Protein backbone atom coordinates (compact mmCIF):
# COMPACT_ATOMS: atom_id res chain seq x y z
CA MET A 1 15.27 57.84 -28.24
CA LEU A 2 18.11 56.78 -25.97
CA THR A 3 15.90 57.27 -22.91
CA THR A 4 13.13 55.11 -24.38
CA PHE A 5 15.60 52.40 -25.30
CA SER A 6 17.11 52.47 -21.79
CA ILE A 7 13.68 52.14 -20.24
CA PHE A 8 12.90 49.21 -22.52
CA ILE A 9 16.17 47.45 -21.59
CA SER A 10 15.52 48.06 -17.88
CA ILE A 11 12.03 46.59 -18.09
CA PHE A 12 13.37 43.62 -20.02
CA LEU A 13 16.11 42.94 -17.48
CA ILE A 14 13.79 43.34 -14.48
CA GLY A 15 11.25 41.04 -16.11
CA GLY A 16 13.93 38.45 -16.76
CA LEU A 17 15.13 38.67 -13.17
CA VAL A 18 11.59 38.22 -11.81
CA TYR A 19 11.04 35.21 -14.07
CA PHE A 20 14.38 33.71 -12.99
CA ILE A 21 13.45 34.06 -9.30
CA TYR A 22 10.02 32.57 -9.99
CA ARG A 23 11.53 29.59 -11.80
CA GLN A 24 14.03 28.97 -8.99
CA GLN A 25 11.23 28.91 -6.42
CA THR A 26 9.02 26.81 -8.66
CA LYS A 27 11.78 24.24 -8.97
CA GLU A 28 11.52 23.75 -5.23
CA THR A 29 7.82 22.95 -5.28
CA THR A 30 7.30 21.04 -8.53
CA TYR A 31 8.96 18.08 -10.17
CA ASP A 32 11.16 18.20 -13.21
CA THR A 33 10.21 15.80 -15.99
CA GLN A 34 10.40 12.25 -14.65
CA PRO A 35 11.48 9.13 -16.57
CA GLU A 36 8.49 7.41 -18.16
CA ARG A 37 8.58 4.50 -15.74
CA VAL A 38 8.36 6.71 -12.64
CA LEU A 39 4.85 7.26 -11.33
CA PHE A 40 4.14 10.15 -9.03
CA TYR A 41 0.94 11.33 -7.42
CA ASP A 42 0.22 15.02 -7.04
CA PHE A 43 -1.10 16.37 -3.74
CA THR A 44 -3.83 18.27 -5.62
CA ASN A 45 -5.59 15.18 -6.96
CA PRO A 46 -6.94 12.05 -5.29
CA ASN A 47 -5.44 8.99 -6.92
CA SER A 48 -6.43 5.38 -7.37
CA VAL A 49 -4.27 4.19 -4.46
CA LEU A 50 -5.52 6.49 -1.71
CA SER A 51 -9.04 7.23 -2.95
CA SER A 52 -12.38 6.88 -1.21
CA GLY A 53 -13.48 3.28 -0.73
CA LYS A 54 -9.97 1.83 -0.83
CA LYS A 55 -8.71 -0.22 2.12
CA ILE A 56 -5.13 0.36 3.20
CA LEU A 57 -3.03 -1.47 5.79
CA LEU A 58 0.22 0.15 6.88
CA LEU A 59 2.65 -2.15 8.70
CA ALA A 60 5.35 -0.52 10.86
CA PRO A 61 8.07 -2.57 12.62
CA HIS A 62 8.51 0.01 15.40
CA GLU A 63 6.79 3.10 16.70
CA ASP A 64 7.89 6.01 14.45
CA ASP A 65 8.44 3.98 11.23
CA GLU A 66 4.83 4.74 10.27
CA ALA A 67 5.61 8.45 10.47
CA LEU A 68 9.04 8.56 8.83
CA MET A 69 7.99 7.42 5.35
CA CYS A 70 4.19 7.26 5.50
CA THR A 71 2.91 10.45 7.19
CA GLY A 72 1.90 11.82 3.80
CA ILE A 73 0.25 8.52 2.87
CA ILE A 74 -1.83 8.58 6.07
CA SER A 75 -2.82 12.21 5.54
CA HIS A 76 -3.77 11.66 1.88
CA ALA A 77 -5.84 8.60 2.78
CA LEU A 78 -7.73 10.43 5.53
CA THR A 79 -8.38 13.44 3.30
CA ASN A 80 -9.64 11.29 0.43
CA GLY A 81 -11.85 9.09 2.63
CA ALA A 82 -9.89 5.85 2.27
CA ASP A 83 -10.11 3.31 5.09
CA ILE A 84 -6.57 3.18 6.50
CA LYS A 85 -5.31 1.18 9.45
CA VAL A 86 -1.84 1.28 11.00
CA ALA A 87 -0.45 -1.88 12.61
CA VAL A 88 2.69 -1.52 14.76
CA ILE A 89 4.55 -4.80 15.29
CA SER A 90 7.01 -4.11 18.10
CA ASN A 91 6.67 -2.13 21.32
CA GLY A 92 10.13 -0.70 20.76
CA ASP A 93 11.03 -1.82 24.28
CA LYS A 94 14.77 -2.43 23.88
CA LYS A 95 15.28 -0.11 26.87
CA GLY A 96 12.58 -1.74 28.99
CA ARG A 97 8.82 -2.06 29.45
CA LYS A 98 8.38 1.56 30.53
CA ALA A 99 10.10 2.72 27.35
CA GLY A 100 7.81 0.45 25.34
CA LEU A 101 4.67 1.90 26.91
CA THR A 102 6.01 5.40 26.27
CA ARG A 103 6.56 4.65 22.60
CA ILE A 104 3.05 3.23 22.19
CA ARG A 105 1.59 6.44 23.62
CA GLU A 106 3.80 8.53 21.34
CA THR A 107 2.33 6.76 18.31
CA LEU A 108 -1.19 7.38 19.61
CA LYS A 109 -0.43 11.11 20.00
CA ALA A 110 1.27 11.41 16.62
CA MET A 111 -1.55 9.64 14.76
CA GLU A 112 -4.18 11.64 16.67
CA TYR A 113 -2.43 14.81 15.47
CA LEU A 114 -2.77 13.56 11.89
CA GLY A 115 -6.44 12.76 12.46
CA LEU A 116 -6.21 8.97 12.58
CA PRO A 117 -8.49 7.64 15.36
CA SER A 118 -7.02 5.23 17.91
CA SER A 119 -9.54 2.61 16.72
CA ASN A 120 -7.60 2.49 13.45
CA ILE A 121 -4.27 1.77 15.18
CA ILE A 122 -3.34 -1.84 15.97
CA PHE A 123 -0.52 -2.72 18.37
CA LEU A 124 0.70 -6.29 18.10
CA GLY A 125 2.80 -5.98 21.25
CA TYR A 126 5.93 -7.92 20.28
CA GLY A 127 9.46 -7.34 21.55
CA ASP A 128 12.44 -5.29 20.44
CA THR A 129 16.10 -6.09 21.03
CA GLU A 130 19.00 -5.21 18.73
CA LYS A 131 19.57 -3.66 15.32
CA ASN A 132 21.63 -6.64 14.13
CA SER A 133 21.24 -10.40 13.64
CA ASN A 134 20.13 -10.65 17.29
CA SER A 135 17.08 -8.53 16.55
CA PHE A 136 13.84 -9.91 17.95
CA MET A 137 12.14 -10.41 14.57
CA ASN A 138 15.19 -12.10 13.08
CA ARG A 139 15.38 -14.59 15.95
CA LEU A 140 11.63 -15.16 15.74
CA TYR A 141 11.75 -15.85 11.99
CA ASN A 142 14.72 -18.20 12.29
CA ALA A 143 13.63 -19.99 15.47
CA GLU A 144 14.06 -23.77 15.51
CA THR A 145 10.32 -24.49 15.42
CA ASP A 146 7.05 -22.57 15.10
CA THR A 147 6.44 -22.99 18.83
CA THR A 148 9.96 -22.11 20.05
CA VAL A 149 9.59 -19.23 22.51
CA VAL A 150 11.75 -16.20 21.69
CA SER A 151 12.24 -13.81 24.60
CA SER A 152 12.77 -10.06 24.46
CA TYR A 153 14.45 -7.98 27.15
CA VAL A 154 11.00 -7.52 28.72
CA GLY A 155 9.39 -10.96 28.58
CA THR A 156 7.84 -13.66 26.41
CA GLN A 157 4.26 -12.41 25.91
CA THR A 158 2.56 -9.60 24.03
CA TYR A 159 1.48 -6.51 25.97
CA SER A 160 0.37 -2.94 25.48
CA THR A 161 -1.14 -0.01 27.36
CA PRO A 162 -4.54 -0.28 29.12
CA GLU A 163 -6.06 2.29 26.75
CA ALA A 164 -4.87 0.36 23.68
CA PRO A 165 -4.64 -3.40 24.44
CA GLU A 166 -2.61 -5.40 21.97
CA TYR A 167 -4.30 -7.26 19.13
CA HIS A 168 -3.91 -10.84 20.40
CA TYR A 169 -5.40 -9.97 23.79
CA GLN A 170 -8.36 -8.18 22.19
CA LYS A 171 -8.93 -11.06 19.78
CA HIS A 172 -8.38 -14.08 22.03
CA GLY A 173 -8.60 -12.80 25.62
CA VAL A 174 -5.04 -13.85 26.48
CA HIS A 175 -1.60 -12.41 25.84
CA GLY A 176 0.17 -13.98 22.86
CA THR A 177 3.28 -16.10 23.35
CA TYR A 178 6.39 -14.87 21.59
CA ASN A 179 6.72 -17.61 19.00
CA ARG A 180 6.49 -17.79 15.23
CA ALA A 181 3.13 -19.53 15.16
CA THR A 182 1.44 -16.83 17.26
CA PHE A 183 2.96 -14.02 15.24
CA ARG A 184 1.93 -15.56 11.92
CA GLN A 185 -1.58 -16.07 13.29
CA ASP A 186 -1.83 -12.44 14.42
CA LEU A 187 -0.49 -11.03 11.15
CA GLU A 188 -2.70 -13.19 8.95
CA GLU A 189 -5.81 -12.47 11.02
CA ILE A 190 -5.16 -8.72 10.76
CA ILE A 191 -4.67 -8.91 6.99
CA GLU A 192 -7.75 -11.10 6.60
CA GLU A 193 -9.90 -8.78 8.71
CA CYS A 194 -8.70 -5.63 6.95
CA ARG A 195 -8.90 -7.18 3.45
CA PRO A 196 -6.65 -4.38 2.18
CA ASP A 197 -6.39 -3.31 -1.43
CA TYR A 198 -2.95 -1.92 -0.60
CA ILE A 199 -0.37 -2.95 2.00
CA PHE A 200 2.57 -0.71 2.92
CA VAL A 201 5.51 -2.46 4.59
CA THR A 202 9.22 -1.91 5.17
CA SER A 203 11.52 -3.01 2.36
CA LEU A 204 13.23 -6.35 1.81
CA TYR A 205 16.39 -4.26 1.38
CA ASP A 206 16.15 -2.32 4.62
CA THR A 207 19.30 -2.97 6.67
CA HIS A 208 17.43 -3.32 9.97
CA PRO A 209 16.63 -7.05 10.41
CA ASP A 210 13.28 -6.28 12.05
CA HIS A 211 12.34 -4.37 8.90
CA PHE A 212 13.30 -6.85 6.17
CA ILE A 213 12.04 -9.80 8.24
CA LEU A 214 8.64 -8.10 8.51
CA TYR A 215 8.66 -7.89 4.71
CA LYS A 216 9.28 -11.65 4.52
CA PHE A 217 6.58 -12.45 7.06
CA THR A 218 4.14 -10.23 5.17
CA VAL A 219 4.82 -11.81 1.78
CA GLU A 220 4.46 -15.29 3.24
CA SER A 221 1.18 -14.34 4.93
CA ILE A 222 -0.26 -12.85 1.73
CA ILE A 223 0.67 -15.95 -0.27
CA HIS A 224 -0.81 -18.27 2.38
CA LEU A 225 -4.06 -16.29 2.34
CA LYS A 226 -4.09 -16.17 -1.47
CA ARG A 227 -3.71 -19.94 -1.70
CA ASN A 228 -6.82 -20.28 0.44
CA ASN A 229 -8.62 -17.53 -1.49
CA PRO A 230 -7.17 -16.95 -5.00
CA GLU A 231 -9.22 -13.78 -5.43
CA PHE A 232 -7.17 -12.04 -2.73
CA SER A 233 -4.70 -9.99 -4.80
CA PRO A 234 -3.48 -6.93 -2.89
CA ILE A 235 -0.87 -4.49 -4.12
CA MET A 236 2.09 -4.17 -1.77
CA TYR A 237 4.28 -1.08 -1.49
CA GLU A 238 7.67 -1.45 0.20
CA TYR A 239 9.32 1.56 1.79
CA LEU A 240 12.93 2.08 2.81
CA ILE A 241 13.94 3.41 6.23
CA HIS A 242 17.56 2.29 6.68
CA SER A 243 19.51 2.15 3.41
CA HIS A 244 22.90 0.53 2.90
CA ASP A 245 24.35 4.05 2.69
CA GLY A 246 24.01 4.22 6.48
CA ASP A 247 21.89 6.51 8.62
CA ASP A 248 24.63 9.17 8.66
CA HIS A 249 24.34 9.56 4.89
CA TRP A 250 20.76 8.73 3.87
CA PRO A 251 18.33 10.38 3.85
CA ALA A 252 20.34 13.49 3.01
CA ARG A 253 19.93 16.14 5.67
CA ASN A 254 17.73 19.08 4.74
CA PRO A 255 19.29 22.47 3.95
CA LYS A 256 18.83 25.03 6.69
CA ASN A 257 15.77 27.23 6.10
CA GLY A 258 15.58 25.98 2.53
CA PHE A 259 12.79 24.54 0.46
CA LEU A 260 12.17 20.82 0.90
CA THR A 261 13.91 18.56 -1.58
CA PRO A 262 12.73 15.11 -2.77
CA PHE A 263 14.31 11.90 -1.54
CA SER A 264 17.59 11.28 -3.33
CA LYS A 265 18.70 7.92 -4.69
CA PRO A 266 20.80 5.99 -2.15
CA ASN A 267 24.31 5.53 -3.52
CA THR A 268 24.19 1.80 -2.77
CA LEU A 269 20.77 1.11 -4.30
CA ASP A 270 22.13 -0.49 -7.49
CA THR A 271 24.92 -2.45 -5.81
CA HIS A 272 23.09 -3.75 -2.72
CA THR A 273 19.49 -4.17 -3.91
CA LEU A 274 17.37 -5.11 -6.91
CA LEU A 275 15.20 -2.00 -6.51
CA ASP A 276 15.01 0.08 -9.68
CA TRP A 277 15.13 3.79 -8.89
CA GLU A 278 13.25 4.59 -12.09
CA LYS A 279 10.41 2.29 -11.03
CA ARG A 280 9.81 3.91 -7.67
CA GLU A 281 6.38 5.44 -7.12
CA ILE A 282 6.34 8.93 -5.70
CA PHE A 283 3.64 10.46 -3.51
CA LEU A 284 4.04 14.21 -3.10
CA LEU A 285 3.34 15.46 0.42
CA PRO A 286 0.25 17.58 1.08
CA MET A 287 1.01 21.31 1.00
CA ASN A 288 0.72 21.64 4.80
CA MET A 289 3.68 19.27 5.06
CA GLN A 290 5.78 21.26 2.60
CA ASN A 291 5.76 24.45 4.65
CA VAL A 292 9.01 26.25 5.40
CA PRO A 293 10.75 26.79 7.69
CA LEU A 294 10.82 23.08 8.47
CA SER A 295 9.26 23.52 11.90
CA LYS A 296 6.04 24.65 10.17
CA SER A 297 5.66 21.36 8.30
CA LYS A 298 2.93 19.08 9.62
CA LYS A 299 5.16 16.05 9.00
CA TYR A 300 7.92 17.67 11.06
CA VAL A 301 5.49 18.25 13.91
CA THR A 302 4.25 14.66 13.64
CA ILE A 303 7.78 13.28 13.95
CA SER A 304 8.36 15.62 16.91
CA LYS A 305 5.72 13.66 18.84
CA TYR A 306 8.18 10.74 19.13
CA ARG A 307 10.15 12.52 21.82
CA SER A 308 11.80 9.42 23.26
CA GLN A 309 13.54 8.88 19.91
CA LYS A 310 15.20 12.31 20.08
CA PRO A 311 14.34 13.48 16.57
CA ALA A 312 17.04 16.17 16.59
CA ALA A 313 19.81 13.69 17.45
CA ASN A 314 22.39 12.42 14.96
CA ASN A 315 22.35 15.66 13.00
CA LYS A 316 18.52 15.68 12.94
CA TYR A 317 18.33 12.18 11.47
CA LEU A 318 14.59 11.62 11.98
CA TYR A 319 13.76 15.06 10.61
CA SER A 320 15.67 14.19 7.42
CA TYR A 321 12.60 12.12 6.44
CA VAL A 322 10.67 15.37 6.05
CA LYS A 323 11.08 15.64 2.30
CA ARG A 324 8.87 16.87 -0.50
CA ASP A 325 7.72 13.35 -1.25
CA GLU A 326 7.52 9.75 -0.02
CA ILE A 327 8.77 6.89 -2.20
CA PHE A 328 7.77 3.24 -2.62
CA TRP A 329 8.27 0.19 -4.83
CA LYS A 330 5.20 -1.79 -5.91
CA LYS A 331 4.62 -5.56 -5.89
CA ASP A 332 1.48 -7.01 -7.48
CA PHE A 333 0.02 -10.16 -5.90
CA SER A 334 -2.31 -10.85 -8.82
CA ASN A 335 0.61 -13.11 -9.87
CA ILE A 336 -0.81 -16.66 -9.95
CA ALA A 337 2.49 -18.58 -9.82
CA CYS A 338 2.04 -19.14 -6.08
CA LEU A 339 -1.15 -21.11 -6.80
CA ALA A 340 0.77 -23.73 -8.80
CA SER A 341 2.50 -26.95 -7.80
CA VAL A 342 6.18 -27.13 -8.73
CA SER A 343 8.32 -29.95 -10.11
CA VAL A 344 12.00 -29.64 -11.05
CA SER A 345 14.80 -31.63 -12.61
CA SER A 346 16.81 -31.25 -9.38
CA GLU A 347 17.13 -28.99 -6.34
CA ASN A 348 19.70 -28.36 -3.65
CA GLU A 349 18.06 -29.69 -0.50
CA SER A 350 21.19 -29.23 1.65
CA THR A 351 21.04 -25.45 1.18
CA ASN A 352 17.22 -25.24 1.14
CA GLN A 353 17.30 -23.88 -2.44
CA LEU A 354 14.21 -25.80 -3.47
CA GLY A 355 11.99 -25.57 -6.52
CA ILE A 356 9.12 -24.19 -4.44
CA LYS A 357 11.34 -21.17 -3.63
CA ALA A 358 10.88 -20.00 -7.23
CA ILE A 359 7.29 -19.06 -6.34
CA ASP A 360 7.79 -17.82 -2.74
CA GLY A 361 7.19 -14.16 -3.60
CA ILE A 362 10.79 -13.07 -2.92
CA ALA A 363 12.47 -12.12 -6.21
CA ASP A 364 16.04 -12.40 -4.98
CA GLY A 365 18.56 -15.06 -4.00
CA TYR A 366 22.25 -15.69 -3.33
CA PRO A 367 24.25 -13.82 -2.07
CA ARG A 368 21.63 -11.67 -0.30
CA PHE A 369 18.84 -14.20 0.25
CA PRO A 370 20.08 -17.72 -0.66
CA ASN A 371 17.08 -19.39 0.99
CA ASN A 372 14.66 -17.65 -1.36
CA GLU A 373 15.76 -19.10 -4.71
CA TRP A 374 15.72 -22.37 -6.66
CA ALA A 375 19.14 -23.80 -7.45
CA THR A 376 19.76 -27.07 -9.28
CA LYS A 377 22.23 -29.63 -8.05
CA GLY A 378 25.05 -29.43 -10.57
CA GLU A 379 22.85 -28.81 -13.63
CA THR A 380 23.17 -26.36 -16.52
CA SER A 381 21.76 -27.18 -19.98
CA GLY A 382 18.75 -29.46 -19.69
CA ALA A 383 17.68 -28.27 -16.24
CA TRP A 384 13.95 -27.64 -16.02
CA ILE A 385 11.16 -26.38 -13.78
CA GLN A 386 7.42 -26.89 -14.33
CA LEU A 387 4.44 -25.07 -12.83
CA SER A 388 1.06 -26.85 -12.88
CA TRP A 389 -2.40 -25.69 -11.84
CA LEU A 390 -5.62 -27.58 -11.07
CA GLN A 391 -7.56 -25.29 -13.40
CA THR A 392 -7.02 -23.46 -16.68
CA TYR A 393 -5.86 -19.85 -16.64
CA THR A 394 -5.72 -17.27 -19.43
CA ILE A 395 -2.26 -15.73 -19.25
CA ASN A 396 -0.29 -13.24 -21.33
CA LYS A 397 2.90 -12.57 -19.38
CA ILE A 398 5.61 -14.47 -17.54
CA VAL A 399 8.39 -12.75 -15.59
CA LEU A 400 11.62 -14.63 -14.92
CA TYR A 401 14.31 -13.71 -12.39
CA ASP A 402 17.67 -15.43 -12.84
CA ARG A 403 19.74 -16.32 -9.80
CA PRO A 404 21.33 -12.94 -8.94
CA ASN A 405 24.87 -14.23 -8.49
CA LEU A 406 26.98 -13.46 -11.56
CA ASN A 407 28.38 -16.99 -11.98
CA ASP A 408 25.24 -19.04 -12.65
CA HIS A 409 23.49 -17.57 -15.67
CA ILE A 410 20.76 -18.86 -17.98
CA THR A 411 21.73 -17.67 -21.47
CA SER A 412 18.82 -19.25 -23.33
CA ALA A 413 15.73 -21.29 -22.48
CA VAL A 414 12.49 -22.54 -23.97
CA LEU A 415 9.02 -22.20 -22.43
CA THR A 416 6.68 -25.05 -23.33
CA PHE A 417 2.94 -24.64 -22.66
CA SER A 418 0.12 -27.12 -22.16
CA ASP A 419 -1.58 -25.82 -25.33
CA GLY A 420 1.36 -27.16 -27.38
CA SER A 421 2.99 -23.78 -28.03
CA LEU A 422 6.49 -22.73 -27.07
CA ILE A 423 8.53 -19.55 -26.68
CA LYS A 424 12.30 -19.26 -26.74
CA THR A 425 14.14 -16.76 -24.58
CA GLY A 426 17.50 -15.10 -24.90
CA PRO A 427 19.82 -14.46 -21.95
CA LEU A 428 18.11 -13.53 -18.68
CA PRO A 429 19.54 -10.44 -16.93
CA ASN A 430 22.53 -11.83 -15.07
CA ASN A 431 22.02 -9.66 -11.98
CA GLY A 432 18.61 -11.20 -11.21
CA SER A 433 16.48 -8.29 -12.38
CA ALA A 434 13.17 -8.96 -14.09
CA CYS A 435 12.90 -10.44 -17.59
CA GLU A 436 9.34 -9.82 -18.80
CA ILE A 437 8.01 -12.09 -21.54
CA SER A 438 4.68 -10.91 -22.99
CA PHE A 439 2.71 -12.82 -25.61
CA PRO A 440 -0.80 -13.23 -27.07
CA THR A 441 -3.11 -14.83 -24.53
CA LYS A 442 -2.83 -18.54 -23.87
CA LYS A 443 -5.22 -20.82 -22.01
CA ILE A 444 -3.04 -23.24 -20.07
CA ASN A 445 -2.88 -25.35 -16.93
CA TRP A 446 0.90 -25.88 -16.95
CA PHE A 447 4.10 -24.60 -18.46
CA LYS A 448 7.69 -25.77 -18.34
CA LEU A 449 10.95 -23.85 -18.60
CA THR A 450 13.89 -25.86 -19.96
CA VAL A 451 17.40 -24.39 -19.97
CA GLU A 452 19.03 -24.66 -23.39
CA SER A 453 22.34 -22.98 -22.58
CA ALA A 454 23.89 -21.60 -19.43
CA GLU A 455 27.05 -20.50 -17.68
CA GLY A 456 28.14 -21.71 -14.24
CA SER A 457 27.49 -25.00 -12.49
CA ASN A 458 24.15 -24.72 -10.61
CA VAL A 459 21.60 -22.79 -12.67
CA GLY A 460 18.17 -21.94 -11.33
CA LEU A 461 15.78 -19.06 -10.78
CA ALA A 462 15.19 -16.59 -7.99
CA GLU A 463 11.51 -16.20 -8.89
CA ILE A 464 8.82 -16.82 -11.50
CA GLU A 465 5.72 -14.66 -11.94
CA VAL A 466 2.73 -15.64 -14.09
CA HIS A 467 0.16 -13.00 -14.93
CA GLU A 468 -3.36 -13.42 -16.24
CA GLU A 469 -4.82 -11.32 -19.01
CA LYS A 470 -5.96 -8.11 -17.30
CA ASN A 471 -9.62 -8.45 -18.30
CA ASN A 472 -9.75 -11.95 -16.81
CA ALA A 473 -7.54 -11.41 -13.77
CA ASN A 474 -9.06 -11.83 -10.32
């Protein structure tokens, strides 16, 4: 009897140990339960974003950005039969023209390894300078006029390799001048030609000026195109390369010879951005990119193609982007606020905090982006902003973003609609995060927000979104 009992206990313990080992390994390859607001896409199933028939445009500021956070996206899209194009803005030529040509060829090799044909890669051929306020894109965006020429260390015109001429030369037969007007023209023509359902671009909260300026240029281009064609309503996904944690700390370096972990939340995400970690969308990497050891991962090999960037340097910084997933934040351009005309009770012209900035597509303001918000001139209670359209829309949701500084705060307001109805609001989130107001559908051609009570001295809004009823949306 004792022998039988001992055998039973041994089997039980061995079984428990096997199950424990299995669960530990499973934890490395599957997700724990996610908060309800987090969306993630499994590598085993095609999804609505990367499915056959969808058109995807991936915008990368420099050669290698497309690989660091979007290798899995490219692979999924190719596997599922989506039409994906990669557009690289800069030649990455901070160290000279030869370095720029090298980096272009590295992108061609890396994308070829993933299976993306060179015909689906667009090089815009612009310059690269510093990773600070003197960055090329920052100077281009803030140039005195649209035609002011901004030079790089290499020159003042777009260029590329003979085997992959830059976009402007292919389109117009001449090299493009480094000015804001030419860049806007190139970017808008690419977007218009691709007609993407989804656009992937570097985040507004990326610390590299080239990266967050590209976000601004992209939003402005989408809005300009939408105003000319209201049916154009792409979804935009922003991705983070350089967080405020610093490159030495984020992404976290991978454990040696361990299973791949997901991207962790940057420590500074809540204090330095308005990105909500629980609203990120997660795309799990294909299984051939989750192989261990790390050198067997297809994403690792892809990043290795960018040899000039020394992927193993800085404690294997570039390889730290080889995680179990890739993460993005979504922005929906079905928002019709940008199609309206704007009138306000007052606006601060001296600081460029105008009423029109409440519908510029950038849901942030002072202190991070003071030029992207509406601020009144010494108004609190009684301040108002009105959006008017030339046609009637059927809407059921408005999203309000208070000025993100903690001093000027709308504590109550009333929304008045052209159909004679009104809705009262309570306090808007004081940090500038979204305040969603949903209601039964209304057919309107204008609405007005009037501040009833407020704190501070110059109330206003960082952004307003207006959404149509889903069944009637463009």
